[in-house]
Protein backbone atom coordinates (compact mmCIF):
# COMPACT_ATOMS: atom_id res chain seq x y z
CA UNK A 1 -16.92 -59.40 -4.23
CA UNK A 2 -19.68 -57.60 -1.90
CA UNK A 3 -22.02 -59.11 0.66
CA UNK A 4 -24.60 -58.55 -1.68
CA UNK A 5 -23.08 -61.26 -3.93
CA UNK A 6 -23.83 -63.98 -1.35
CA UNK A 7 -27.71 -63.67 -1.65
CA UNK A 8 -27.83 -63.44 -5.58
CA UNK A 9 -27.99 -66.54 -7.85
CA UNK A 10 -24.86 -68.06 -9.25
CA UNK A 11 -25.28 -66.22 -12.89
CA UNK A 12 -25.83 -63.08 -11.31
CA UNK A 13 -22.53 -63.53 -9.20
CA UNK A 14 -20.77 -64.49 -12.42
CA UNK A 15 -22.33 -60.80 -14.43
CA UNK A 16 -20.94 -59.02 -10.94
CA UNK A 17 -17.64 -60.61 -11.45
CA UNK A 18 -17.15 -59.46 -15.22
CA UNK A 19 -18.13 -56.14 -14.03
CA UNK A 20 -15.79 -56.02 -11.28
CA UNK A 21 -12.76 -56.89 -13.44
CA UNK A 22 -13.69 -54.79 -15.96
CA UNK A 23 -13.46 -51.72 -13.45
CA UNK A 24 -10.52 -52.84 -11.91
CA UNK A 25 -8.46 -52.51 -15.08
CA UNK A 26 -10.72 -49.51 -16.82
CA UNK A 27 -10.10 -47.43 -13.69
CA UNK A 28 -6.32 -47.65 -13.72
CA UNK A 29 -5.42 -44.79 -16.30
CA UNK A 30 -8.05 -42.24 -14.88
CA UNK A 31 -10.96 -43.38 -17.27
CA UNK A 32 -13.17 -45.97 -15.69
CA UNK A 33 -15.76 -46.60 -18.62
CA UNK A 34 -12.96 -47.92 -20.93
CA UNK A 35 -9.83 -50.23 -21.30
CA UNK A 36 -6.83 -48.76 -23.09
CA UNK A 37 -4.55 -50.87 -25.05
CA UNK A 38 -2.24 -51.37 -21.94
CA UNK A 39 -4.94 -52.06 -19.79
CA UNK A 40 -6.56 -54.60 -21.62
CA UNK A 41 -3.22 -56.12 -22.09
CA UNK A 42 -2.72 -56.29 -18.29
CA UNK A 43 -6.33 -57.89 -18.03
CA UNK A 44 -5.76 -60.65 -20.31
CA UNK A 45 -2.44 -61.70 -18.91
CA UNK A 46 -3.62 -61.47 -15.29
CA UNK A 47 -6.98 -62.67 -15.50
CA UNK A 48 -7.37 -65.21 -18.61
CA UNK A 49 -5.92 -68.65 -19.26
CA UNK A 50 -4.81 -67.45 -22.33
CA UNK A 51 -1.04 -67.33 -22.99
CA UNK A 52 -1.04 -63.24 -23.38
CA UNK A 53 2.76 -62.78 -23.69
CA UNK A 54 2.71 -62.57 -27.55
CA UNK A 55 2.09 -58.53 -27.96
CA UNK A 56 1.06 -59.18 -31.52
CA UNK A 57 -2.03 -61.33 -30.41
CA UNK A 58 -3.11 -59.06 -27.73
CA UNK A 59 -3.01 -56.28 -30.38
CA UNK A 60 -4.95 -58.38 -32.58
CA UNK A 61 -7.54 -58.72 -30.08
CA UNK A 62 -7.78 -55.41 -29.09
CA UNK A 63 -8.27 -53.96 -32.52
CA UNK A 64 -10.85 -56.72 -33.26
CA UNK A 65 -13.05 -55.40 -30.27
CA UNK A 66 -12.32 -51.93 -30.76
CA UNK A 67 -15.60 -51.99 -32.92
CA UNK A 68 -15.98 -48.16 -32.98
CA UNK A 69 -12.30 -47.62 -33.41
CA UNK A 70 -11.89 -45.03 -30.81
CA UNK A 71 -8.59 -47.02 -29.46
CA UNK A 72 -10.58 -47.82 -26.16
CA UNK A 73 -12.60 -50.88 -25.26
CA UNK A 74 -15.88 -49.98 -23.77
CA UNK A 75 -17.74 -52.49 -21.60
CA UNK A 76 -19.99 -53.81 -24.14
CA UNK A 77 -17.08 -54.28 -26.19
CA UNK A 78 -15.36 -56.08 -23.50
CA UNK A 79 -18.73 -58.28 -22.96
CA UNK A 80 -18.16 -59.35 -26.92
CA UNK A 81 -14.91 -60.52 -25.81
CA UNK A 82 -15.65 -62.61 -22.66
CA UNK A 83 -18.41 -64.01 -24.46
CA UNK A 84 -16.52 -65.11 -27.35
CA UNK A 85 -13.67 -66.33 -24.79
CA UNK A 86 -16.39 -68.16 -22.77
CA UNK A 87 -17.73 -69.97 -26.13
CA UNK A 88 -14.23 -71.07 -27.05
CA UNK A 89 -13.53 -72.54 -23.58
CA UNK A 90 -17.04 -74.11 -23.49
CA UNK A 91 -15.07 -76.31 -26.55
CA UNK A 92 -12.30 -77.29 -24.44
CA UNK A 93 -13.87 -78.77 -21.63
């Protein structure tokens, strides 16, 4: 995280972190504005507490998130996913 993050409130830091994680995986295939299915799978496997080894479950998440059916996940679509996962985690803790 950049030096700027030390000066911002905790929630703003969390937002910056979400942006940074999206960018880290989205740029792997050359299109930094969206996640391909492979990039999304890599992100889920590396960054979430979920068990992402089930390819069918990752595919199901991907297909549900791809609202415009362009076979990629945009940042707004990714945010829908992170909000849903955060709400589910809130119920578990």
